[in-house]
Amino acid sequence: RTSHDLKSPLLTIENLADCILEDSRTDSFDQVELNAIRIKKLTSKLGKLIEDILALTKASMNDEERTIFSFEE
């Protein structure tokens, strides 16, 4: 699921970038602006997802058992 959650926004961003390139060739600058805004929203969403994954990873690392020992022994 995580792989899909990461890959989906990337594919959408790639498609929007293609649309921007096409629209810039046809002087459809209103569409260029709308697609750029969509890309910004998607990258923000993707960044949040990555932050959540990192937080989850840190939390699971903190659940590991710890053994206290003495260097003197």
PDB file of N, CA and C in Angstrom:
ATOM      1  N   ARG A   1       0.830  -1.199   0.000  1.00  0.00           N
ATOM      2  CA  ARG A   1       0.000   0.000   0.000  1.00  0.00           C
ATOM      3  C   ARG A   1       0.868   1.253   0.000  1.00  0.00           C
ATOM      4  N   THR A   2       1.926   1.231   0.795  1.00  0.00           N
ATOM      5  CA  THR A   2       2.808   2.402   0.871  1.00  0.00           C
ATOM      6  C   THR A   2       3.427   2.703  -0.484  1.00  0.00           C
ATOM      7  N   SER A   3       3.846   1.651  -1.161  1.00  0.00           N
ATOM      8  CA  SER A   3       4.437   1.826  -2.489  1.00  0.00           C
ATOM      9  C   SER A   3       3.440   2.508  -3.428  1.00  0.00           C
ATOM     10  N   HIS A   4       2.190   2.073  -3.393  1.00  0.00           N
ATOM     11  CA  HIS A   4       1.159   2.684  -4.231  1.00  0.00           C
ATOM     12  C   HIS A   4       0.925   4.135  -3.825  1.00  0.00           C
ATOM     13  N   ASP A   5       0.892   4.387  -2.518  1.00  0.00           N
ATOM     14  CA  ASP A   5       0.652   5.748  -2.020  1.00  0.00           C
ATOM     15  C   ASP A   5       1.764   6.700  -2.438  1.00  0.00           C
ATOM     16  N   LEU A   6       2.978   6.180  -2.574  1.00  0.00           N
ATOM     17  CA  LEU A   6       4.095   7.019  -3.007  1.00  0.00           C
ATOM     18  C   LEU A   6       4.122   7.162  -4.529  1.00  0.00           C
ATOM     19  N   LYS A   7       3.814   6.092  -5.222  1.00  0.00           N
ATOM     20  CA  LYS A   7       3.933   6.091  -6.676  1.00  0.00           C
ATOM     21  C   LYS A   7       2.820   6.886  -7.353  1.00  0.00           C
ATOM     22  N   SER A   8       1.623   6.824  -6.830  1.00  0.00           N
ATOM     23  CA  SER A   8       0.480   7.489  -7.456  1.00  0.00           C
ATOM     24  C   SER A   8       0.694   9.004  -7.630  1.00  0.00           C
ATOM     25  N   PRO A   9       1.092   9.733  -6.576  1.00  0.00           N
ATOM     26  CA  PRO A   9       1.317  11.171  -6.777  1.00  0.00           C
ATOM     27  C   PRO A   9       2.457  11.451  -7.752  1.00  0.00           C
ATOM     28  N   LEU A  10       3.481  10.611  -7.755  1.00  0.00           N
ATOM     29  CA  LEU A  10       4.589  10.831  -8.678  1.00  0.00           C
ATOM     30  C   LEU A  10       4.146  10.689 -10.127  1.00  0.00           C
ATOM     31  N   LEU A  11       3.327   9.693 -10.409  1.00  0.00           N
ATOM     32  CA  LEU A  11       2.828   9.514 -11.772  1.00  0.00           C
ATOM     33  C   LEU A  11       1.933  10.688 -12.181  1.00  0.00           C
ATOM     34  N   THR A  12       1.122  11.157 -11.246  1.00  0.00           N
ATOM     35  CA  THR A  12       0.250  12.295 -11.537  1.00  0.00           C
ATOM     36  C   THR A  12       1.078  13.543 -11.806  1.00  0.00           C
ATOM     37  N   ILE A  13       2.123  13.755 -11.008  1.00  0.00           N
ATOM     38  CA  ILE A  13       3.006  14.907 -11.207  1.00  0.00           C
ATOM     39  C   ILE A  13       3.676  14.820 -12.579  1.00  0.00           C
ATOM     40  N   GLU A  14       4.123  13.630 -12.940  1.00  0.00           N
ATOM     41  CA  GLU A  14       4.756  13.448 -14.245  1.00  0.00           C
ATOM     42  C   GLU A  14       3.781  13.785 -15.374  1.00  0.00           C
ATOM     43  N   ASN A  15       2.540  13.320 -15.249  1.00  0.00           N
ATOM     44  CA  ASN A  15       1.532  13.618 -16.272  1.00  0.00           C
ATOM     45  C   ASN A  15       1.207  15.106 -16.338  1.00  0.00           C
ATOM     46  N   LEU A  16       1.118  15.753 -15.175  1.00  0.00           N
ATOM     47  CA  LEU A  16       0.852  17.196 -15.163  1.00  0.00           C
ATOM     48  C   LEU A  16       2.007  17.970 -15.779  1.00  0.00           C
ATOM     49  N   ALA A  17       3.231  17.532 -15.538  1.00  0.00           N
ATOM     50  CA  ALA A  17       4.395  18.189 -16.143  1.00  0.00           C
ATOM     51  C   ALA A  17       4.324  18.073 -17.665  1.00  0.00           C
ATOM     52  N   ASP A  18       3.908  16.901 -18.165  1.00  0.00           N
ATOM     53  CA  ASP A  18       3.724  16.732 -19.605  1.00  0.00           C
ATOM     54  C   ASP A  18       2.664  17.698 -20.135  1.00  0.00           C
ATOM     55  N   CYS A  19       1.583  17.857 -19.369  1.00  0.00           N
ATOM     56  CA  CYS A  19       0.526  18.801 -19.766  1.00  0.00           C
ATOM     57  C   CYS A  19       1.054  20.232 -19.800  1.00  0.00           C
ATOM     58  N   ILE A  20       1.869  20.586 -18.833  1.00  0.00           N
ATOM     59  CA  ILE A  20       2.449  21.931 -18.793  1.00  0.00           C
ATOM     60  C   ILE A  20       3.310  22.166 -20.027  1.00  0.00           C
ATOM     61  N   LEU A  21       4.126  21.180 -20.376  1.00  0.00           N
ATOM     62  CA  LEU A  21       4.968  21.321 -21.560  1.00  0.00           C
ATOM     63  C   LEU A  21       4.116  21.513 -22.818  1.00  0.00           C
ATOM     64  N   GLU A  22       3.067  20.709 -22.928  1.00  0.00           N
ATOM     65  CA  GLU A  22       2.187  20.822 -24.090  1.00  0.00           C
ATOM     66  C   GLU A  22       1.460  22.165 -24.103  1.00  0.00           C
ATOM     67  N   ASP A  23       0.935  22.571 -22.946  1.00  0.00           N
ATOM     68  CA  ASP A  23       0.210  23.843 -22.868  1.00  0.00           C
ATOM     69  C   ASP A  23       1.119  25.032 -23.120  1.00  0.00           C
ATOM     70  N   SER A  24       2.371  24.946 -22.713  1.00  0.00           N
ATOM     71  CA  SER A  24       3.279  26.075 -22.922  1.00  0.00           C
ATOM     72  C   SER A  24       3.583  26.248 -24.413  1.00  0.00           C
ATOM     73  N   ARG A  25       3.529  25.147 -25.169  1.00  0.00           N
ATOM     74  CA  ARG A  25       3.763  25.233 -26.619  1.00  0.00           C
ATOM     75  C   ARG A  25       2.566  25.859 -27.350  1.00  0.00           C
ATOM     76  N   THR A  26       1.384  25.751 -26.745  1.00  0.00           N
ATOM     77  CA  THR A  26       0.169  26.274 -27.386  1.00  0.00           C
ATOM     78  C   THR A  26      -0.331  27.561 -26.723  1.00  0.00           C
ATOM     79  N   ASP A  27       0.528  28.148 -25.904  1.00  0.00           N
ATOM     80  CA  ASP A  27       0.200  29.411 -25.222  1.00  0.00           C
ATOM     81  C   ASP A  27      -1.032  29.318 -24.326  1.00  0.00           C
ATOM     82  N   SER A  28      -1.299  28.144 -23.758  1.00  0.00           N
ATOM     83  CA  SER A  28      -2.417  27.966 -22.822  1.00  0.00           C
ATOM     84  C   SER A  28      -1.909  28.200 -21.396  1.00  0.00           C
ATOM     85  N   PHE A  29      -1.525  29.447 -21.138  1.00  0.00           N
ATOM     86  CA  PHE A  29      -0.856  29.738 -19.868  1.00  0.00           C
ATOM     87  C   PHE A  29      -1.777  29.641 -18.659  1.00  0.00           C
ATOM     88  N   ASP A  30      -3.078  29.776 -18.859  1.00  0.00           N
ATOM     89  CA  ASP A  30      -4.009  29.567 -17.744  1.00  0.00           C
ATOM     90  C   ASP A  30      -3.936  28.116 -17.276  1.00  0.00           C
ATOM     91  N   GLN A  31      -3.887  27.191 -18.232  1.00  0.00           N
ATOM     92  CA  GLN A  31      -3.769  25.771 -17.896  1.00  0.00           C
ATOM     93  C   GLN A  31      -2.409  25.461 -17.270  1.00  0.00           C
ATOM     94  N   VAL A  32      -1.373  26.128 -17.770  1.00  0.00           N
ATOM     95  CA  VAL A  32      -0.036  25.938 -17.201  1.00  0.00           C
ATOM     96  C   VAL A  32      -0.055  26.297 -15.723  1.00  0.00           C
ATOM     97  N   GLU A  33      -0.666  27.428 -15.407  1.00  0.00           N
ATOM     98  CA  GLU A  33      -0.738  27.872 -14.009  1.00  0.00           C
ATOM     99  C   GLU A  33      -1.542  26.896 -13.157  1.00  0.00           C
ATOM    100  N   LEU A  34      -2.682  26.446 -13.662  1.00  0.00           N
ATOM    101  CA  LEU A  34      -3.503  25.489 -12.906  1.00  0.00           C
ATOM    102  C   LEU A  34      -2.749  24.185 -12.646  1.00  0.00           C
ATOM    103  N   ASN A  35      -2.047  23.694 -13.653  1.00  0.00           N
ATOM    104  CA  ASN A  35      -1.297  22.449 -13.480  1.00  0.00           C
ATOM    105  C   ASN A  35      -0.106  22.627 -12.538  1.00  0.00           C
ATOM    106  N   ALA A  36       0.520  23.785 -12.573  1.00  0.00           N
ATOM    107  CA  ALA A  36       1.611  24.057 -11.642  1.00  0.00           C
ATOM    108  C   ALA A  36       1.091  24.083 -10.204  1.00  0.00           C
ATOM    109  N   ILE A  37      -0.082  24.651 -10.002  1.00  0.00           N
ATOM    110  CA  ILE A  37      -0.705  24.663  -8.675  1.00  0.00           C
ATOM    111  C   ILE A  37      -1.024  23.243  -8.226  1.00  0.00           C
ATOM    112  N   ARG A  38      -1.523  22.428  -9.138  1.00  0.00           N
ATOM    113  CA  ARG A  38      -1.808  21.024  -8.813  1.00  0.00           C
ATOM    114  C   ARG A  38      -0.535  20.289  -8.415  1.00  0.00           C
ATOM    115  N   ILE A  39       0.555  20.554  -9.130  1.00  0.00           N
ATOM    116  CA  ILE A  39       1.835  19.915  -8.801  1.00  0.00           C
ATOM    117  C   ILE A  39       2.280  20.310  -7.405  1.00  0.00           C
ATOM    118  N   LYS A  40       2.156  21.598  -7.075  1.00  0.00           N
ATOM    119  CA  LYS A  40       2.542  22.053  -5.731  1.00  0.00           C
ATOM    120  C   LYS A  40       1.733  21.340  -4.653  1.00  0.00           C
ATOM    121  N   LYS A  41       0.435  21.180  -4.877  1.00  0.00           N
ATOM    122  CA  LYS A  41      -0.417  20.486  -3.904  1.00  0.00           C
ATOM    123  C   LYS A  41      -0.010  19.022  -3.770  1.00  0.00           C
ATOM    124  N   LEU A  42       0.265  18.376  -4.898  1.00  0.00           N
ATOM    125  CA  LEU A  42       0.657  16.964  -4.869  1.00  0.00           C
ATOM    126  C   LEU A  42       2.003  16.759  -4.182  1.00  0.00           C
ATOM    127  N   THR A  43       2.957  17.657  -4.445  1.00  0.00           N
ATOM    128  CA  THR A  43       4.260  17.501  -3.799  1.00  0.00           C
ATOM    129  C   THR A  43       4.152  17.736  -2.300  1.00  0.00           C
ATOM    130  N   SER A  44       3.276  18.648  -1.901  1.00  0.00           N
ATOM    131  CA  SER A  44       3.041  18.875  -0.477  1.00  0.00           C
ATOM    132  C   SER A  44       2.437  17.631   0.164  1.00  0.00           C
ATOM    133  N   LYS A  45       1.465  17.028  -0.513  1.00  0.00           N
ATOM    134  CA  LYS A  45       0.827  15.805  -0.015  1.00  0.00           C
ATOM    135  C   LYS A  45       1.841  14.667   0.068  1.00  0.00           C
ATOM    136  N   LEU A  46       2.684  14.553  -0.939  1.00  0.00           N
ATOM    137  CA  LEU A  46       3.710  13.518  -0.956  1.00  0.00           C
ATOM    138  C   LEU A  46       4.722  13.740   0.165  1.00  0.00           C
ATOM    139  N   GLY A  47       5.101  14.986   0.401  1.00  0.00           N
ATOM    140  CA  GLY A  47       6.013  15.300   1.497  1.00  0.00           C
ATOM    141  C   GLY A  47       5.429  14.924   2.842  1.00  0.00           C
ATOM    142  N   LYS A  48       4.143  15.193   3.032  1.00  0.00           N
ATOM    143  CA  LYS A  48       3.465  14.828   4.282  1.00  0.00           C
ATOM    144  C   LYS A  48       3.450  13.312   4.461  1.00  0.00           C
ATOM    145  N   LEU A  49       3.188  12.590   3.388  1.00  0.00           N
ATOM    146  CA  LEU A  49       3.178  11.128   3.451  1.00  0.00           C
ATOM    147  C   LEU A  49       4.556  10.592   3.844  1.00  0.00           C
ATOM    148  N   ILE A  50       5.594  11.161   3.263  1.00  0.00           N
ATOM    149  CA  ILE A  50       6.957  10.728   3.602  1.00  0.00           C
ATOM    150  C   ILE A  50       7.268  11.030   5.062  1.00  0.00           C
ATOM    151  N   GLU A  51       6.864  12.211   5.544  1.00  0.00           N
ATOM    152  CA  GLU A  51       7.054  12.548   6.960  1.00  0.00           C
ATOM    153  C   GLU A  51       6.333  11.550   7.864  1.00  0.00           C
ATOM    154  N   ASP A  52       5.115  11.174   7.492  1.00  0.00           N
ATOM    155  CA  ASP A  52       4.352  10.197   8.276  1.00  0.00           C
ATOM    156  C   ASP A  52       5.045   8.839   8.304  1.00  0.00           C
ATOM    157  N   ILE A  53       5.586   8.432   7.163  1.00  0.00           N
ATOM    158  CA  ILE A  53       6.297   7.152   7.098  1.00  0.00           C
ATOM    159  C   ILE A  53       7.536   7.190   7.985  1.00  0.00           C
ATOM    160  N   LEU A  54       8.266   8.300   7.936  1.00  0.00           N
ATOM    161  CA  LEU A  54       9.456   8.439   8.787  1.00  0.00           C
ATOM    162  C   LEU A  54       9.087   8.425  10.266  1.00  0.00           C
ATOM    163  N   ALA A  55       7.996   9.086  10.626  1.00  0.00           N
ATOM    164  CA  ALA A  55       7.546   9.096  12.018  1.00  0.00           C
ATOM    165  C   ALA A  55       7.156   7.691  12.465  1.00  0.00           C
ATOM    166  N   LEU A  56       6.486   6.970  11.597  1.00  0.00           N
ATOM    167  CA  LEU A  56       6.091   5.595  11.911  1.00  0.00           C
ATOM    168  C   LEU A  56       7.316   4.707  12.082  1.00  0.00           C
ATOM    169  N   THR A  57       8.307   4.889  11.231  1.00  0.00           N
ATOM    170  CA  THR A  57       9.540   4.116  11.325  1.00  0.00           C
ATOM    171  C   THR A  57      10.259   4.406  12.639  1.00  0.00           C
ATOM    172  N   LYS A  58      10.333   5.681  13.000  1.00  0.00           N
ATOM    173  CA  LYS A  58      10.982   6.049  14.268  1.00  0.00           C
ATOM    174  C   LYS A  58      10.225   5.450  15.451  1.00  0.00           C
ATOM    175  N   ALA A  59       8.897   5.494  15.390  1.00  0.00           N
ATOM    176  CA  ALA A  59       8.085   4.955  16.482  1.00  0.00           C
ATOM    177  C   ALA A  59       8.302   3.457  16.624  1.00  0.00           C
ATOM    178  N   SER A  60       8.386   2.746  15.508  1.00  0.00           N
ATOM    179  CA  SER A  60       8.587   1.299  15.595  1.00  0.00           C
ATOM    180  C   SER A  60       9.994   0.970  16.084  1.00  0.00           C
ATOM    181  N   MET A  61      10.955   1.832  15.805  1.00  0.00           N
ATOM    182  CA  MET A  61      12.314   1.612  16.296  1.00  0.00           C
ATOM    183  C   MET A  61      12.383   1.807  17.814  1.00  0.00           C
ATOM    184  N   ASN A  62      11.561   2.696  18.330  1.00  0.00           N
ATOM    185  CA  ASN A  62      11.554   2.954  19.764  1.00  0.00           C
ATOM    186  C   ASN A  62      10.887   1.836  20.550  1.00  0.00           C
ATOM    187  N   ASP A  63      10.145   0.967  19.875  1.00  0.00           N
ATOM    188  CA  ASP A  63       9.462  -0.136  20.537  1.00  0.00           C
ATOM    189  C   ASP A  63      10.391  -1.322  20.818  1.00  0.00           C
ATOM    190  N   GLU A  64      11.586  -1.279  20.272  1.00  0.00           N
ATOM    191  CA  GLU A  64      12.505  -2.397  20.465  1.00  0.00           C
ATOM    192  C   GLU A  64      12.917  -2.492  21.931  1.00  0.00           C
ATOM    193  N   GLU A  65      13.130  -3.724  22.364  1.00  0.00           N
ATOM    194  CA  GLU A  65      13.570  -3.919  23.737  1.00  0.00           C
ATOM    195  C   GLU A  65      15.007  -3.431  23.887  1.00  0.00           C
ATOM    196  N   ARG A  66      15.275  -2.861  25.038  1.00  0.00           N
ATOM    197  CA  ARG A  66      16.622  -2.367  25.313  1.00  0.00           C
ATOM    198  C   ARG A  66      17.175  -3.134  26.510  1.00  0.00           C
ATOM    199  N   THR A  67      18.449  -3.410  26.428  1.00  0.00           N
ATOM    200  CA  THR A  67      19.123  -4.111  27.520  1.00  0.00           C
ATOM    201  C   THR A  67      20.129  -3.157  28.156  1.00  0.00           C
ATOM    202  N   ILE A  68      20.017  -3.022  29.450  1.00  0.00           N
ATOM    203  CA  ILE A  68      20.964  -2.167  30.161  1.00  0.00           C
ATOM    204  C   ILE A  68      22.100  -3.049  30.666  1.00  0.00           C
ATOM    205  N   PHE A  69      23.305  -2.580  30.416  1.00  0.00           N
ATOM    206  CA  PHE A  69      24.468  -3.352  30.865  1.00  0.00           C
ATOM    207  C   PHE A  69      25.531  -2.411  31.370  1.00  0.00           C
ATOM    208  N   SER A  70      26.474  -2.960  32.072  1.00  0.00           N
ATOM    209  CA  SER A  70      27.537  -2.174  32.660  1.00  0.00           C
ATOM    210  C   SER A  70      28.829  -2.434  31.890  1.00  0.00           C
ATOM    211  N   PHE A  71      29.507  -1.370  31.535  1.00  0.00           N
ATOM    212  CA  PHE A  71      30.790  -1.513  30.856  1.00  0.00           C
ATOM    213  C   PHE A  71      31.843  -2.114  31.792  1.00  0.00           C
ATOM    214  N   GLU A  72      31.687  -1.850  33.075  1.00  0.00           N
ATOM    215  CA  GLU A  72      32.657  -2.357  34.045  1.00  0.00           C
ATOM    216  C   GLU A  72      32.630  -3.881  34.153  1.00  0.00           C
ATOM    217  N   GLU A  73      31.474  -4.465  33.982  1.00  0.00           N
ATOM    218  CA  GLU A  73      31.349  -5.917  34.069  1.00  0.00           C
ATOM    219  C   GLU A  73      31.974  -6.540  32.851  1.00  0.00           C
TER     220      GLU A  73
END
